[in-house]
Protein backbone atom coordinates (compact mmCIF):
# COMPACT_ATOMS: atom_id res chain seq x y z
CA MET A 1 84.18 185.44 151.81
CA GLU A 2 80.64 185.94 150.46
CA ALA A 3 81.62 184.28 147.15
CA VAL A 4 83.01 181.26 149.00
CA LEU A 5 79.83 180.90 151.07
CA ARG A 6 77.67 181.15 147.91
CA GLU A 7 79.79 178.44 146.26
CA MET A 8 79.49 176.21 149.34
CA VAL A 9 75.71 176.61 149.35
CA ASP A 10 75.53 175.86 145.61
CA HIS A 11 77.66 172.72 146.06
CA TYR A 12 75.36 171.60 148.87
CA LEU A 13 72.22 172.25 146.81
CA ILE A 14 73.59 170.35 143.80
CA ASP A 15 74.60 167.42 146.01
CA LYS A 16 71.14 167.46 147.61
CA LEU A 17 69.53 167.43 144.16
CA VAL A 18 71.42 164.25 143.21
CA ARG A 19 70.48 162.61 146.52
CA GLU A 20 66.78 163.46 146.05
CA TYR A 21 66.88 162.14 142.46
CA SER A 22 68.40 158.87 143.76
CA HIS A 23 65.81 158.56 146.53
CA GLY A 24 63.05 159.01 143.95
CA CYS A 25 64.53 156.31 141.73
CA ASP A 26 65.12 153.88 144.58
CA ARG A 27 61.63 154.34 146.04
CA LEU A 28 59.76 154.39 142.67
CA ASP A 29 58.74 158.02 143.20
CA GLU A 30 58.48 159.35 139.66
CA VAL A 31 57.52 162.90 140.60
CA ARG A 32 60.48 163.27 143.00
CA MET A 33 62.86 161.78 140.43
CA ALA A 34 61.56 163.95 137.57
CA ALA A 35 61.75 167.09 139.72
CA ALA A 36 65.55 166.94 139.48
CA TYR A 37 65.41 167.90 135.80
CA ALA A 38 65.13 171.30 134.13
CA GLN A 39 62.07 171.95 132.00
CA ASP A 40 64.18 171.62 128.84
CA SER A 41 66.37 168.66 129.82
CA PHE A 42 67.96 165.59 128.25
CA ASP A 43 69.10 162.36 129.90
CA ASP A 44 71.34 159.80 128.20
CA HIS A 45 71.15 156.52 130.11
CA GLY A 46 72.15 154.38 127.13
CA ARG A 47 68.98 152.47 126.29
CA TYR A 48 66.96 155.45 127.49
CA ARG A 49 67.64 158.79 125.81
CA SER A 50 64.92 161.39 126.35
CA SER A 51 63.90 164.41 128.38
CA GLY A 52 64.57 163.97 132.08
CA GLN A 53 60.87 163.82 132.88
CA GLN A 54 60.26 161.15 130.22
CA PHE A 55 63.32 159.22 131.41
CA ALA A 56 61.98 159.16 134.99
CA HIS A 57 58.67 157.75 133.76
CA ASP A 58 60.16 155.23 131.33
CA VAL A 59 62.84 153.75 133.58
CA LEU A 60 60.53 153.34 136.58
CA ALA A 61 57.75 151.85 134.44
CA HIS A 62 60.36 149.44 132.98
CA GLN A 63 61.44 148.42 136.49
CA VAL A 64 57.83 147.75 137.56
CA ALA A 65 57.04 145.81 134.37
CA ASN A 66 60.23 143.73 134.55
CA GLY A 67 60.21 142.66 138.19
CA VAL A 68 62.92 144.95 139.58
CA HIS A 69 61.88 144.89 143.21
CA MET A 70 64.91 146.62 144.71
CA CYS A 71 67.07 149.50 143.52
CA SER A 72 69.63 151.21 145.69
CA HIS A 73 71.98 154.04 144.70
CA HIS A 74 75.13 154.50 146.77
CA LEU A 75 76.55 157.92 146.00
CA GLY A 76 80.25 158.70 146.13
CA GLN A 77 82.33 161.81 145.69
CA SER A 78 81.28 164.70 143.48
CA LEU A 79 83.27 167.32 141.65
CA VAL A 80 81.31 170.50 140.95
CA LYS A 81 82.31 173.55 138.92
CA ILE A 82 79.97 176.53 139.19
CA ASP A 83 79.84 179.38 136.67
CA GLY A 84 77.09 181.80 137.64
CA ASP A 85 73.73 180.14 136.94
CA THR A 86 75.26 177.09 135.22
CA ALA A 87 77.38 174.30 136.62
CA GLY A 88 79.04 171.03 135.72
CA ALA A 89 79.15 168.05 138.08
CA GLU A 90 80.47 164.51 138.14
CA THR A 91 79.06 162.22 140.84
CA TYR A 92 80.23 158.64 141.32
CA PHE A 93 77.65 155.99 142.16
CA ILE A 94 77.10 152.28 142.59
CA ALA A 95 73.56 151.20 141.74
CA THR A 96 72.37 147.80 142.89
CA LEU A 97 69.23 146.18 141.47
CA GLN A 98 67.50 142.94 142.44
CA SER A 99 65.20 141.35 139.91
CA GLY A 100 63.78 138.09 138.67
CA GLY A 101 61.17 135.57 139.60
CA GLU A 102 62.11 132.29 141.22
CA GLN A 103 65.78 132.84 140.31
CA GLN A 104 66.74 136.24 141.70
CA VAL A 105 69.58 138.21 140.08
CA LEU A 106 71.65 140.96 141.67
CA THR A 107 73.12 143.55 139.31
CA HIS A 108 75.72 146.15 140.26
CA LEU A 109 76.54 149.17 138.11
CA GLY A 110 79.48 151.40 138.96
CA GLY A 111 79.45 154.68 137.13
CA ARG A 112 79.12 158.43 137.16
CA PHE A 113 76.43 161.00 136.59
CA VAL A 114 78.02 163.65 134.39
CA ASP A 115 75.66 166.59 134.65
CA GLU A 116 75.26 170.00 133.13
CA LEU A 117 73.11 171.98 135.54
CA VAL A 118 71.19 175.22 135.37
CA ARG A 119 69.64 177.42 138.01
CA GLU A 120 65.94 177.48 137.12
CA ASP A 121 63.52 179.58 139.19
CA GLY A 122 66.20 179.83 141.87
CA GLN A 123 66.80 176.06 142.11
CA TRP A 124 69.51 173.87 140.59
CA LYS A 125 68.21 171.40 137.98
CA VAL A 126 69.86 168.87 135.66
CA LYS A 127 69.87 170.28 132.13
CA HIS A 128 71.83 167.44 130.47
CA ARG A 129 72.90 164.16 132.05
CA ILE A 130 75.13 161.42 130.74
CA CYS A 131 75.11 158.25 132.81
CA VAL A 132 78.63 156.83 132.37
CA ARG A 133 79.07 153.08 132.89
CA ASP A 134 82.51 152.31 134.30
CA TRP A 135 81.71 148.67 135.16
CA SER A 136 78.83 146.34 135.84
CA SER A 137 78.19 142.76 136.87
CA SER A 138 75.20 140.50 137.39
CA ALA A 139 74.99 137.24 139.31
CA PRO A 140 72.29 134.89 140.56
CA ILE A 141 71.45 135.16 144.25
CA LEU A 142 72.26 131.72 145.64
CA MET A 143 71.36 132.55 149.23
CA ASP A 144 70.34 135.44 151.45
CA TYR A 145 72.30 135.27 154.68
CA LEU A 146 70.03 137.81 156.41
CA ASP A 147 66.73 136.24 155.36
CA GLY A 148 64.78 135.45 158.51
CA TRP A 149 66.54 138.07 160.67
CA ASN A 150 63.23 139.93 161.04
CA MET A 151 64.71 143.18 159.69
CA VAL A 152 62.44 145.90 158.30
CA GLN A 153 62.21 145.32 154.55
CA GLY A 154 62.74 148.37 152.33
CA GLN A 155 59.69 149.32 150.27
CA ARG A 156 59.56 150.94 146.84
CA SER A 157 56.54 152.98 147.91
CA GLY A 158 55.37 155.44 150.52
CA ASP A 159 55.33 152.54 152.99
CA ASP A 160 59.13 152.80 153.26
CA PRO A 161 60.03 154.19 156.72
CA SER A 162 62.13 156.95 155.13
CA PHE A 163 59.03 158.88 154.05
CA LYS A 164 57.80 159.30 157.62
CA VAL A 165 61.11 160.45 159.10
CA LEU A 166 61.77 162.80 156.15
CA GLY A 167 58.24 164.21 156.33
CA ILE A 168 57.64 163.67 152.60
CA GLU A 169 54.93 161.97 150.59
CA HIS A 170 55.25 159.46 147.77
CA SER A 171 53.83 160.43 144.38
CA GLY A 172 52.60 156.95 143.54
CA VAL A 173 54.12 153.99 141.68
CA PRO A 174 54.33 154.62 137.91
CA ALA A 175 52.02 152.78 135.55
CA LYS A 176 53.44 149.89 133.53
């Protein structure tokens, strides 16, 4: 029974790691996003292939410089295989990005994070990630049905209401 409980805790911690990475990316929190990676890590996101920490900086700086004003990861099921202090995981996601000036564009990416993980200083970290693209589409935003509904607008900063309820602080928006 102890082995099963340890595996359940490890699955939870790995799932939490992916959620915290996604929150960092969606809220432009480079430090939170980079914290998901092992010291000696590699991330392959197609155009961006570098250490995890460099990837976090580069992709968020690219978003700021190129007018991506909304990013939202929707995480799906994960498969996790643990082997001592290493693990493999596949997590499905749909990432939605809104960008552009006067003509806004909405892009959807359906894919998977295929991760090799390592327990580093007692915490699970991504050692090697491949971002697999299963499908994507982009389309102009012709109208926003909910515009004018007076809903709280999500912020890609510490001003987002999630920071207060989670009791966390934002590390600051990355430089261009």
